[in-house]
N, C-alpha and C. Protein backbone atom coordinates (compact mmCIF):
# COMPACT_ATOMS: atom_id res chain seq x y z
N MET A 1 21.09 0.70 -4.74
CA MET A 1 20.13 -0.22 -5.43
C MET A 1 18.78 0.44 -5.27
N THR A 2 18.09 0.66 -6.39
CA THR A 2 16.75 1.24 -6.42
C THR A 2 15.74 0.11 -6.45
N ASN A 3 14.71 0.40 -5.67
CA ASN A 3 13.60 -0.60 -5.45
C ASN A 3 12.32 -0.03 -6.15
N ARG A 4 11.57 -0.93 -6.65
CA ARG A 4 10.28 -0.56 -7.27
C ARG A 4 9.21 -0.85 -6.24
N ILE A 5 8.70 0.30 -5.79
CA ILE A 5 7.69 0.31 -4.67
C ILE A 5 6.29 0.84 -5.20
N LEU A 6 5.27 0.04 -4.97
CA LEU A 6 3.88 0.54 -5.38
C LEU A 6 3.14 0.89 -4.03
N VAL A 7 2.61 2.17 -4.08
CA VAL A 7 1.82 2.53 -2.95
C VAL A 7 0.33 2.56 -3.30
N PHE A 8 -0.43 1.77 -2.60
CA PHE A 8 -1.84 1.59 -2.91
C PHE A 8 -2.66 2.47 -2.01
N TYR A 9 -3.70 3.09 -2.61
CA TYR A 9 -4.67 3.92 -1.92
C TYR A 9 -6.09 3.53 -2.39
N GLY A 10 -6.98 3.44 -1.44
CA GLY A 10 -8.25 3.04 -1.85
C GLY A 10 -9.55 3.64 -1.57
N SER A 11 -9.55 4.96 -1.08
CA SER A 11 -10.81 5.63 -0.84
C SER A 11 -11.47 6.09 -2.13
N TYR A 12 -12.81 5.94 -2.18
CA TYR A 12 -13.65 6.41 -3.28
C TYR A 12 -14.39 7.66 -2.94
N ARG A 13 -14.26 8.16 -1.79
CA ARG A 13 -15.01 9.44 -1.29
C ARG A 13 -14.59 10.60 -2.14
N SER A 14 -15.63 11.56 -2.19
CA SER A 14 -15.31 12.78 -2.96
C SER A 14 -14.29 13.66 -2.20
N ASP A 15 -14.38 13.76 -0.93
CA ASP A 15 -13.44 14.57 -0.16
C ASP A 15 -12.45 13.67 0.52
N ARG A 16 -11.48 13.07 -0.23
CA ARG A 16 -10.64 12.23 0.28
C ARG A 16 -9.46 12.80 1.03
N MET A 17 -9.30 12.44 2.35
CA MET A 17 -8.15 12.89 3.11
C MET A 17 -7.01 12.01 3.05
N GLY A 18 -7.11 10.71 3.00
CA GLY A 18 -6.00 9.77 2.96
C GLY A 18 -5.06 9.96 1.76
N ILE A 19 -5.43 10.61 0.75
CA ILE A 19 -4.65 10.85 -0.43
C ILE A 19 -3.43 11.72 0.01
N ARG A 20 -3.57 12.50 1.02
CA ARG A 20 -2.53 13.32 1.56
C ARG A 20 -1.42 12.42 2.14
N LEU A 21 -1.74 11.40 2.83
CA LEU A 21 -0.82 10.47 3.45
C LEU A 21 -0.10 9.64 2.35
N ALA A 22 -0.94 9.22 1.37
CA ALA A 22 -0.25 8.48 0.20
C ALA A 22 0.71 9.44 -0.51
N ASP A 23 0.31 10.67 -0.76
CA ASP A 23 1.24 11.61 -1.42
C ASP A 23 2.57 11.81 -0.60
N PHE A 24 2.34 11.90 0.78
CA PHE A 24 3.55 12.04 1.59
C PHE A 24 4.50 10.85 1.47
N ILE A 25 3.94 9.66 1.53
CA ILE A 25 4.76 8.50 1.42
C ILE A 25 5.46 8.32 0.04
N VAL A 26 4.71 8.61 -1.04
CA VAL A 26 5.32 8.60 -2.36
C VAL A 26 6.51 9.57 -2.44
N ALA A 27 6.28 10.93 -1.93
CA ALA A 27 7.36 11.81 -1.99
C ALA A 27 8.58 11.36 -1.07
N GLY A 28 8.27 10.86 0.15
CA GLY A 28 9.35 10.43 0.99
C GLY A 28 10.18 9.33 0.47
N LEU A 29 9.57 8.38 -0.16
CA LEU A 29 10.25 7.26 -0.73
C LEU A 29 11.08 7.73 -1.95
N ARG A 30 10.49 8.55 -2.82
CA ARG A 30 11.22 9.10 -3.90
C ARG A 30 12.43 9.90 -3.55
N ALA A 31 12.29 10.59 -2.51
CA ALA A 31 13.43 11.42 -1.93
C ALA A 31 14.55 10.52 -1.56
N ARG A 32 14.26 9.36 -1.22
CA ARG A 32 15.34 8.39 -0.84
C ARG A 32 15.87 7.64 -2.07
N GLY A 33 15.41 7.95 -3.25
CA GLY A 33 15.92 7.44 -4.47
C GLY A 33 15.23 6.20 -4.96
N GLU A 34 13.96 5.87 -4.44
CA GLU A 34 13.27 4.74 -4.86
C GLU A 34 12.36 4.94 -5.97
N ASP A 35 12.04 3.98 -6.77
CA ASP A 35 11.15 4.09 -7.96
C ASP A 35 9.83 3.76 -7.42
N VAL A 36 8.95 4.87 -7.27
CA VAL A 36 7.71 4.73 -6.59
C VAL A 36 6.53 5.11 -7.44
N GLU A 37 5.47 4.42 -7.43
CA GLU A 37 4.23 4.68 -8.12
C GLU A 37 3.02 4.54 -7.28
N LEU A 38 2.19 5.60 -7.33
CA LEU A 38 0.91 5.54 -6.58
C LEU A 38 -0.17 4.83 -7.38
N ILE A 39 -0.72 3.74 -6.80
CA ILE A 39 -1.84 3.05 -7.53
C ILE A 39 -3.11 3.56 -6.71
N ASP A 40 -4.02 4.26 -7.28
CA ASP A 40 -5.15 4.90 -6.74
C ASP A 40 -6.44 3.96 -7.17
N ALA A 41 -6.96 3.12 -6.23
CA ALA A 41 -8.02 2.25 -6.64
C ALA A 41 -9.16 2.96 -7.36
N LYS A 42 -9.44 4.23 -7.02
CA LYS A 42 -10.55 4.97 -7.63
C LYS A 42 -10.17 5.19 -9.12
N ALA A 43 -9.00 5.55 -9.23
CA ALA A 43 -8.51 5.86 -10.79
C ALA A 43 -8.42 4.57 -11.59
N VAL A 44 -7.93 3.47 -11.04
CA VAL A 44 -7.89 2.29 -11.75
C VAL A 44 -9.23 1.80 -12.09
N GLY A 45 -10.23 1.88 -11.11
CA GLY A 45 -11.68 1.65 -11.39
C GLY A 45 -12.12 0.27 -11.76
N LEU A 46 -11.48 -0.73 -11.01
CA LEU A 46 -11.93 -2.09 -11.10
C LEU A 46 -13.37 -2.33 -10.77
N PRO A 47 -14.12 -3.18 -11.43
CA PRO A 47 -15.37 -3.50 -10.88
C PRO A 47 -15.40 -4.26 -9.62
N MET A 48 -16.52 -4.42 -8.97
CA MET A 48 -16.58 -5.31 -7.80
C MET A 48 -16.10 -6.71 -8.27
N LEU A 49 -15.40 -7.47 -7.41
CA LEU A 49 -14.79 -8.64 -7.78
C LEU A 49 -15.82 -9.64 -8.20
N ASP A 50 -15.66 -10.12 -9.46
CA ASP A 50 -16.44 -11.25 -9.90
C ASP A 50 -15.44 -12.41 -10.28
N ARG A 51 -14.38 -12.00 -11.05
CA ARG A 51 -13.43 -13.02 -11.49
C ARG A 51 -12.06 -12.38 -11.29
N MET A 52 -11.23 -13.19 -10.55
CA MET A 52 -9.85 -12.76 -10.26
C MET A 52 -9.10 -12.70 -11.53
N TYR A 53 -7.95 -12.00 -11.52
CA TYR A 53 -7.03 -11.98 -12.68
C TYR A 53 -6.70 -13.32 -13.27
N LYS A 54 -6.35 -14.20 -12.28
CA LYS A 54 -5.91 -15.49 -12.73
C LYS A 54 -7.02 -16.42 -13.28
N GLU A 55 -8.33 -16.00 -13.07
CA GLU A 55 -9.41 -16.76 -13.51
C GLU A 55 -9.79 -16.36 -15.03
N HIS A 56 -9.17 -15.44 -15.55
CA HIS A 56 -9.47 -15.05 -17.00
C HIS A 56 -8.60 -15.96 -17.78
N PRO A 57 -9.00 -16.28 -19.02
CA PRO A 57 -8.13 -17.05 -19.88
C PRO A 57 -6.87 -16.21 -20.19
N LYS A 58 -5.74 -16.82 -20.34
CA LYS A 58 -4.51 -16.20 -20.67
C LYS A 58 -4.64 -15.15 -21.79
N GLY A 59 -4.30 -13.89 -21.58
CA GLY A 59 -4.41 -12.89 -22.55
C GLY A 59 -5.81 -12.28 -22.78
N ALA A 60 -6.77 -12.69 -22.03
CA ALA A 60 -8.19 -12.17 -22.14
C ALA A 60 -8.62 -11.37 -20.97
N ALA A 61 -7.75 -11.12 -19.93
CA ALA A 61 -8.22 -10.28 -18.82
C ALA A 61 -8.38 -8.81 -19.35
N PRO A 62 -9.28 -8.05 -18.68
CA PRO A 62 -9.41 -6.66 -19.06
C PRO A 62 -8.13 -5.93 -18.93
N ALA A 63 -7.92 -4.91 -19.74
CA ALA A 63 -6.75 -4.17 -19.86
C ALA A 63 -6.23 -3.64 -18.50
N ALA A 64 -7.13 -3.20 -17.68
CA ALA A 64 -6.74 -2.58 -16.39
C ALA A 64 -6.14 -3.68 -15.48
N LEU A 65 -6.79 -4.86 -15.54
CA LEU A 65 -6.27 -5.97 -14.74
C LEU A 65 -4.75 -6.46 -15.25
N GLU A 66 -4.73 -6.58 -16.60
CA GLU A 66 -3.49 -6.96 -17.11
C GLU A 66 -2.30 -6.04 -16.85
N THR A 67 -2.64 -4.69 -16.95
CA THR A 67 -1.55 -3.76 -16.62
C THR A 67 -1.16 -3.82 -15.13
N LEU A 68 -2.24 -3.82 -14.22
CA LEU A 68 -1.89 -3.94 -12.84
C LEU A 68 -1.23 -5.13 -12.41
N ALA A 69 -1.50 -6.33 -12.92
CA ALA A 69 -0.87 -7.55 -12.65
C ALA A 69 0.61 -7.42 -12.92
N GLY A 70 0.92 -6.84 -14.08
CA GLY A 70 2.36 -6.72 -14.45
C GLY A 70 3.00 -5.74 -13.52
N LYS A 71 2.49 -4.67 -13.14
CA LYS A 71 3.04 -3.74 -12.14
C LYS A 71 3.37 -4.41 -10.82
N ILE A 72 2.37 -5.26 -10.34
CA ILE A 72 2.45 -5.94 -9.02
C ILE A 72 3.55 -6.98 -9.16
N ARG A 73 3.67 -7.74 -10.24
CA ARG A 73 4.67 -8.78 -10.44
C ARG A 73 6.11 -8.11 -10.50
N ASP A 74 6.27 -6.97 -11.05
CA ASP A 74 7.49 -6.28 -11.17
C ASP A 74 7.93 -5.44 -9.96
N ALA A 75 7.04 -5.35 -8.98
CA ALA A 75 7.40 -4.50 -7.69
C ALA A 75 8.26 -5.35 -6.83
N ASP A 76 9.05 -4.55 -6.04
CA ASP A 76 9.87 -5.17 -4.97
C ASP A 76 9.16 -5.10 -3.62
N GLY A 77 8.24 -4.14 -3.40
CA GLY A 77 7.48 -3.99 -2.24
C GLY A 77 6.29 -3.14 -2.42
N PHE A 78 5.45 -3.19 -1.36
CA PHE A 78 4.14 -2.47 -1.47
C PHE A 78 3.93 -1.72 -0.14
N VAL A 79 3.18 -0.56 -0.26
CA VAL A 79 2.68 0.11 0.89
C VAL A 79 1.21 0.25 0.68
N PHE A 80 0.37 -0.12 1.72
CA PHE A 80 -1.01 -0.02 1.58
C PHE A 80 -1.43 1.19 2.59
N VAL A 81 -1.92 2.14 1.98
CA VAL A 81 -2.52 3.36 2.77
C VAL A 81 -4.01 3.09 2.92
N THR A 82 -4.43 2.99 4.17
CA THR A 82 -5.80 2.62 4.45
C THR A 82 -6.43 3.46 5.47
N GLY A 83 -7.60 3.92 5.16
CA GLY A 83 -8.50 4.43 6.23
C GLY A 83 -9.32 3.40 6.94
N GLU A 84 -10.03 3.74 7.89
CA GLU A 84 -10.76 2.87 8.68
C GLU A 84 -12.28 3.10 8.54
N TYR A 85 -13.02 2.17 8.07
CA TYR A 85 -14.45 2.31 7.80
C TYR A 85 -15.14 1.31 8.82
N ASN A 86 -15.80 1.88 9.78
CA ASN A 86 -16.53 1.08 10.80
C ASN A 86 -15.79 -0.02 11.40
N TRP A 87 -14.57 0.35 11.89
CA TRP A 87 -13.72 -0.64 12.52
C TRP A 87 -12.99 -1.66 11.45
N GLY A 88 -13.19 -1.41 10.17
CA GLY A 88 -12.72 -2.45 9.26
C GLY A 88 -12.00 -1.78 8.08
N LEU A 89 -11.95 -2.61 7.05
CA LEU A 89 -11.15 -2.37 5.84
C LEU A 89 -11.91 -1.36 4.89
N GLN A 90 -11.12 -0.55 4.24
CA GLN A 90 -11.67 0.22 3.16
C GLN A 90 -12.24 -0.68 2.00
N PRO A 91 -13.43 -0.62 1.56
CA PRO A 91 -13.85 -1.54 0.55
C PRO A 91 -13.16 -1.34 -0.77
N GLY A 92 -12.87 -0.11 -1.19
CA GLY A 92 -12.15 0.05 -2.53
C GLY A 92 -10.84 -0.53 -2.58
N LEU A 93 -10.04 -0.37 -1.53
CA LEU A 93 -8.78 -0.99 -1.51
C LEU A 93 -8.80 -2.55 -1.42
N LYS A 94 -9.64 -3.02 -0.58
CA LYS A 94 -9.76 -4.48 -0.50
C LYS A 94 -10.31 -5.07 -1.82
N ASN A 95 -11.14 -4.41 -2.52
CA ASN A 95 -11.63 -4.97 -3.72
C ASN A 95 -10.42 -5.07 -4.79
N LEU A 96 -9.59 -3.96 -4.85
CA LEU A 96 -8.58 -4.02 -5.80
C LEU A 96 -7.55 -5.09 -5.37
N THR A 97 -7.25 -5.19 -4.22
CA THR A 97 -6.33 -6.28 -3.73
C THR A 97 -6.75 -7.66 -4.00
N ASP A 98 -8.11 -7.89 -3.81
CA ASP A 98 -8.59 -9.31 -3.96
C ASP A 98 -8.68 -9.72 -5.41
N HIS A 99 -8.39 -8.85 -6.47
CA HIS A 99 -8.37 -9.29 -7.72
C HIS A 99 -7.10 -10.07 -8.11
N PHE A 100 -6.18 -10.10 -7.15
CA PHE A 100 -4.95 -10.75 -7.51
C PHE A 100 -4.59 -11.68 -6.29
N LEU A 101 -3.62 -12.62 -6.61
CA LEU A 101 -3.25 -13.53 -5.55
C LEU A 101 -1.81 -13.83 -5.63
N GLU A 102 -1.45 -14.77 -6.43
CA GLU A 102 0.02 -15.12 -6.70
C GLU A 102 0.91 -13.92 -7.09
N GLU A 103 0.30 -12.90 -7.64
CA GLU A 103 1.15 -11.75 -8.07
C GLU A 103 1.78 -11.08 -6.83
N TRP A 104 1.19 -11.16 -5.64
CA TRP A 104 1.69 -10.57 -4.40
C TRP A 104 2.76 -11.32 -3.78
N PHE A 105 2.80 -12.56 -4.02
CA PHE A 105 3.74 -13.50 -3.27
C PHE A 105 5.16 -13.02 -3.18
N TRP A 106 5.83 -13.29 -1.98
CA TRP A 106 7.24 -13.19 -1.78
C TRP A 106 7.75 -11.77 -1.76
N ARG A 107 6.87 -10.82 -1.41
CA ARG A 107 7.35 -9.46 -1.34
C ARG A 107 6.91 -8.85 -0.07
N PRO A 108 7.47 -7.89 0.45
CA PRO A 108 7.08 -7.18 1.74
C PRO A 108 6.06 -6.15 1.43
N ALA A 109 5.13 -5.96 2.47
CA ALA A 109 4.08 -4.96 2.49
C ALA A 109 4.18 -4.20 3.72
N ALA A 110 3.95 -2.91 3.59
CA ALA A 110 3.93 -2.02 4.75
C ALA A 110 2.47 -1.38 4.77
N ILE A 111 2.12 -1.06 6.00
CA ILE A 111 0.75 -0.57 6.24
C ILE A 111 0.80 0.87 6.87
N ALA A 112 0.16 1.82 6.23
CA ALA A 112 -0.03 3.12 6.73
C ALA A 112 -1.46 3.42 6.87
N SER A 113 -1.90 3.77 8.16
CA SER A 113 -3.29 4.01 8.34
C SER A 113 -3.54 5.36 8.82
N TYR A 114 -4.78 5.75 8.62
CA TYR A 114 -5.29 7.16 9.07
C TYR A 114 -6.70 7.21 9.45
N SER A 115 -7.07 8.20 10.12
CA SER A 115 -8.50 8.48 10.35
C SER A 115 -8.64 10.02 10.72
N ALA A 116 -9.87 10.37 10.81
CA ALA A 116 -10.19 11.69 11.18
C ALA A 116 -10.04 11.76 12.65
N GLY A 117 -10.16 10.74 13.38
CA GLY A 117 -10.11 10.70 14.82
C GLY A 117 -8.76 10.34 15.44
N ARG A 118 -8.77 10.09 16.68
CA ARG A 118 -7.39 9.93 17.41
C ARG A 118 -6.94 8.49 17.38
N PHE A 119 -7.79 7.45 16.83
CA PHE A 119 -7.28 6.16 16.70
C PHE A 119 -6.47 5.78 15.53
N ALA A 120 -6.44 6.79 14.61
CA ALA A 120 -5.50 6.78 13.47
C ALA A 120 -5.63 5.60 12.60
N GLY A 121 -6.80 4.96 12.55
CA GLY A 121 -7.03 3.79 11.66
C GLY A 121 -6.37 2.46 12.12
N ALA A 122 -6.10 2.45 13.44
CA ALA A 122 -5.32 1.28 13.95
C ALA A 122 -6.12 0.01 13.80
N ARG A 123 -7.38 0.02 13.85
CA ARG A 123 -8.20 -1.27 13.73
C ARG A 123 -8.20 -1.69 12.33
N ALA A 124 -8.10 -0.84 11.35
CA ALA A 124 -7.96 -1.25 9.92
C ALA A 124 -6.57 -1.80 9.70
N ALA A 125 -5.61 -1.09 10.17
CA ALA A 125 -4.25 -1.66 10.12
C ALA A 125 -4.14 -3.07 10.61
N LEU A 126 -4.73 -3.38 11.76
CA LEU A 126 -4.67 -4.67 12.30
C LEU A 126 -5.42 -5.71 11.34
N ALA A 127 -6.51 -5.29 10.84
CA ALA A 127 -7.20 -6.27 9.95
C ALA A 127 -6.43 -6.47 8.65
N TRP A 128 -5.75 -5.39 8.19
CA TRP A 128 -4.96 -5.49 6.91
C TRP A 128 -3.77 -6.54 7.16
N HIS A 129 -3.19 -6.44 8.38
CA HIS A 129 -2.05 -7.28 8.63
C HIS A 129 -2.31 -8.82 8.23
N GLY A 130 -3.49 -9.27 8.76
CA GLY A 130 -3.83 -10.68 8.60
C GLY A 130 -4.23 -10.95 7.05
N THR A 131 -4.79 -9.98 6.44
CA THR A 131 -5.33 -10.10 5.09
C THR A 131 -3.99 -10.21 4.15
N LEU A 132 -3.08 -9.28 4.39
CA LEU A 132 -1.89 -9.24 3.47
C LEU A 132 -1.01 -10.45 3.73
N SER A 133 -0.89 -10.88 4.91
CA SER A 133 -0.19 -12.22 5.28
C SER A 133 -0.74 -13.31 4.53
N GLU A 134 -2.10 -13.50 4.68
CA GLU A 134 -2.82 -14.58 3.96
C GLU A 134 -2.53 -14.58 2.39
N MET A 135 -2.37 -13.38 1.85
CA MET A 135 -2.18 -13.19 0.41
C MET A 135 -0.79 -13.34 0.03
N GLY A 136 0.16 -13.87 0.86
CA GLY A 136 1.54 -14.20 0.57
C GLY A 136 2.58 -13.08 0.64
N MET A 137 2.18 -12.01 1.36
CA MET A 137 3.24 -11.05 1.65
C MET A 137 3.79 -11.06 2.99
N VAL A 138 4.95 -10.63 3.12
CA VAL A 138 5.51 -10.43 4.53
C VAL A 138 5.27 -9.00 4.99
N VAL A 139 4.42 -8.94 6.03
CA VAL A 139 4.10 -7.52 6.53
C VAL A 139 5.14 -7.13 7.48
N ILE A 140 5.74 -6.01 7.16
CA ILE A 140 6.79 -5.53 8.03
C ILE A 140 6.20 -4.93 9.38
N SER A 141 7.12 -4.97 10.41
CA SER A 141 6.64 -4.53 11.78
C SER A 141 6.43 -3.08 11.86
N SER A 142 7.16 -2.20 11.13
CA SER A 142 7.02 -0.78 11.20
C SER A 142 5.72 -0.37 10.54
N THR A 143 4.95 0.49 11.22
CA THR A 143 3.71 1.03 10.63
C THR A 143 3.70 2.53 10.73
N ILE A 144 2.82 3.18 10.10
CA ILE A 144 2.57 4.61 10.27
C ILE A 144 1.10 4.76 10.57
N ALA A 145 0.71 5.45 11.48
CA ALA A 145 -0.69 5.71 11.84
C ALA A 145 -0.87 7.19 12.12
N VAL A 146 -1.77 7.78 11.31
CA VAL A 146 -1.94 9.27 11.45
C VAL A 146 -3.35 9.50 11.83
N GLY A 147 -3.50 10.12 12.98
CA GLY A 147 -4.82 10.58 13.52
C GLY A 147 -5.05 11.95 13.11
N SER A 148 -6.35 12.35 13.20
CA SER A 148 -6.74 13.79 12.86
C SER A 148 -6.06 14.26 11.53
N ILE A 149 -6.10 13.47 10.56
CA ILE A 149 -5.40 13.58 9.26
C ILE A 149 -5.54 15.01 8.69
N SER A 150 -6.62 15.66 8.87
CA SER A 150 -6.82 16.97 8.26
C SER A 150 -6.01 18.04 8.98
N GLN A 151 -5.53 17.80 10.19
CA GLN A 151 -4.69 18.67 10.94
C GLN A 151 -3.26 18.21 10.98
N SER A 152 -2.89 16.99 10.41
CA SER A 152 -1.65 16.40 10.38
C SER A 152 -0.85 16.62 9.13
N LEU A 153 -1.68 16.70 8.03
CA LEU A 153 -1.04 16.82 6.63
C LEU A 153 -1.90 17.91 5.90
N SER A 154 -1.21 18.76 5.16
CA SER A 154 -1.97 19.82 4.32
C SER A 154 -2.48 19.04 3.10
N GLU A 155 -3.23 19.80 2.34
CA GLU A 155 -3.80 19.31 1.08
C GLU A 155 -2.72 18.82 0.13
N SER A 156 -1.49 19.31 0.23
CA SER A 156 -0.53 18.96 -0.62
C SER A 156 0.41 17.90 -0.07
N GLY A 157 -0.04 17.27 1.08
CA GLY A 157 0.74 16.24 1.72
C GLY A 157 1.92 16.74 2.62
N GLU A 158 1.90 17.94 2.91
CA GLU A 158 2.99 18.51 3.79
C GLU A 158 2.58 18.31 5.24
N PRO A 159 3.49 17.84 6.13
CA PRO A 159 3.23 17.77 7.52
C PRO A 159 2.88 19.06 8.24
N THR A 160 1.89 19.10 9.01
CA THR A 160 1.49 20.19 9.78
C THR A 160 1.17 19.84 11.23
N GLY A 161 1.42 20.74 12.17
CA GLY A 161 1.01 20.55 13.56
C GLY A 161 1.75 19.46 14.20
N GLU A 162 1.31 19.01 15.41
CA GLU A 162 2.04 18.01 16.20
C GLU A 162 1.96 16.68 15.45
N GLY A 163 0.77 16.35 14.91
CA GLY A 163 0.62 15.07 14.09
C GLY A 163 1.55 15.00 12.99
N GLY A 164 1.84 16.06 12.32
CA GLY A 164 2.82 16.08 11.17
C GLY A 164 4.20 15.94 11.75
N LYS A 165 4.50 16.35 12.92
CA LYS A 165 5.83 16.23 13.42
C LYS A 165 6.06 14.77 13.75
N GLN A 166 5.11 14.13 14.40
CA GLN A 166 5.17 12.77 14.64
C GLN A 166 5.31 11.94 13.47
N LEU A 167 4.65 12.28 12.31
CA LEU A 167 4.86 11.46 11.11
C LEU A 167 6.16 11.59 10.59
N VAL A 168 6.80 12.75 10.59
CA VAL A 168 8.09 13.01 10.20
C VAL A 168 9.09 12.19 10.92
N ARG A 169 8.97 12.11 12.27
CA ARG A 169 9.77 11.24 13.03
C ARG A 169 9.67 9.69 12.74
N ALA A 170 8.39 9.35 12.47
CA ALA A 170 8.13 7.92 12.24
C ALA A 170 8.55 7.40 10.88
N PHE A 171 8.61 8.23 9.86
CA PHE A 171 8.78 7.84 8.45
C PHE A 171 10.09 7.16 8.22
N PRO A 172 11.22 7.66 8.71
CA PRO A 172 12.52 7.05 8.41
C PRO A 172 12.57 5.56 8.80
N ARG A 173 12.11 5.23 9.98
CA ARG A 173 12.17 3.81 10.37
C ARG A 173 11.23 2.98 9.44
N PHE A 174 10.03 3.45 9.17
CA PHE A 174 9.10 2.82 8.29
C PHE A 174 9.79 2.56 6.97
N ALA A 175 10.37 3.59 6.35
CA ALA A 175 11.05 3.40 5.05
C ALA A 175 12.20 2.44 5.12
N ASP A 176 13.00 2.60 6.06
CA ASP A 176 14.15 1.73 6.25
C ASP A 176 13.77 0.23 6.33
N ASP A 177 12.66 -0.02 7.12
CA ASP A 177 12.23 -1.32 7.30
C ASP A 177 11.74 -1.87 5.97
N LEU A 178 10.85 -1.10 5.32
CA LEU A 178 10.36 -1.63 3.92
C LEU A 178 11.39 -1.82 2.96
N ILE A 179 12.40 -0.93 2.87
CA ILE A 179 13.51 -1.06 1.91
C ILE A 179 14.44 -2.26 2.22
N TRP A 180 14.72 -2.37 3.55
CA TRP A 180 15.51 -3.57 3.95
C TRP A 180 14.86 -4.94 3.47
N TRP A 181 13.64 -5.05 3.77
CA TRP A 181 12.92 -6.24 3.36
C TRP A 181 12.70 -6.39 1.86
N SER A 182 12.51 -5.24 1.16
CA SER A 182 12.45 -5.30 -0.18
C SER A 182 13.73 -5.82 -0.85
N GLU A 183 14.92 -5.33 -0.36
CA GLU A 183 16.21 -5.74 -0.81
C GLU A 183 16.48 -7.21 -0.49
N ALA A 184 16.07 -7.67 0.72
CA ALA A 184 16.29 -8.96 1.15
C ALA A 184 15.38 -10.01 0.19
N ALA A 185 14.26 -9.70 0.15
CA ALA A 185 13.34 -10.51 -0.78
C ALA A 185 13.87 -10.55 -2.24
N LYS A 186 14.21 -9.46 -2.70
CA LYS A 186 14.73 -9.37 -4.08
C LYS A 186 16.01 -10.28 -4.25
N ALA A 187 16.93 -10.13 -3.32
CA ALA A 187 18.11 -10.96 -3.41
C ALA A 187 17.73 -12.49 -3.23
N GLN A 188 16.85 -12.85 -2.37
CA GLN A 188 16.53 -14.33 -2.17
C GLN A 188 15.79 -14.76 -3.51
N ARG A 189 14.94 -13.94 -4.18
CA ARG A 189 14.27 -14.35 -5.39
C ARG A 189 15.31 -14.58 -6.44
N ALA A 190 16.45 -13.84 -6.44
CA ALA A 190 17.43 -13.93 -7.48
C ALA A 190 18.28 -15.22 -7.17
N ARG A 191 18.46 -15.53 -5.95
CA ARG A 191 19.24 -16.59 -5.46
C ARG A 191 18.55 -17.97 -5.77
N ARG A 192 17.26 -18.00 -5.39
CA ARG A 192 16.56 -19.21 -5.47
C ARG A 192 15.07 -18.91 -5.83
N SER A 193 14.56 -19.69 -6.72
CA SER A 193 13.12 -19.48 -7.14
C SER A 193 12.28 -19.77 -5.95
N PRO A 194 11.17 -19.04 -5.76
CA PRO A 194 10.24 -19.34 -4.58
C PRO A 194 9.72 -20.80 -4.77
N PRO A 195 9.43 -21.44 -3.67
CA PRO A 195 9.02 -22.76 -3.67
C PRO A 195 7.68 -23.08 -4.32
N TYR A 196 6.82 -22.06 -4.45
CA TYR A 196 5.51 -22.20 -5.23
C TYR A 196 5.08 -20.78 -5.60
């Protein structure tokens, strides 16, 4: 059974390191036979949140919002790849996420964090956990955290050094957890409509 997984990435910096982790996750999930798409907040280019997708009259939302809403609704699970900015969330990724609400409901979300330092974005991952839960997603317990990202992944997303070895060891459990929950949620949605 193939699952539709969206991998969200949100840095707007010119020298983005986290895209390496996003590319690694996309490639890893595709290698397992999943239908995976990278959603890059910078490429989508949504404005700062003024009006959520649901606040636009039906059929009048900007094209980028309409397209992304459809992709989110059609997905079986999500991965949020996040850097840590001053102990907090990446603003580009948070802005994209906040444009939607009900579209996220009843699907699992996984968090993969990174940083240039040794804490590997752990504080951002912790903040995302509560945010995604509040937005109606089930956040899986398995996470990926990559510190010293420039030494752990090459520019093409290939694992390097000790950090890369740790990432390769952690990925199978992360992917297994996400796919198990994606399949469980998909089966339950087919069996019974969500209560709201």
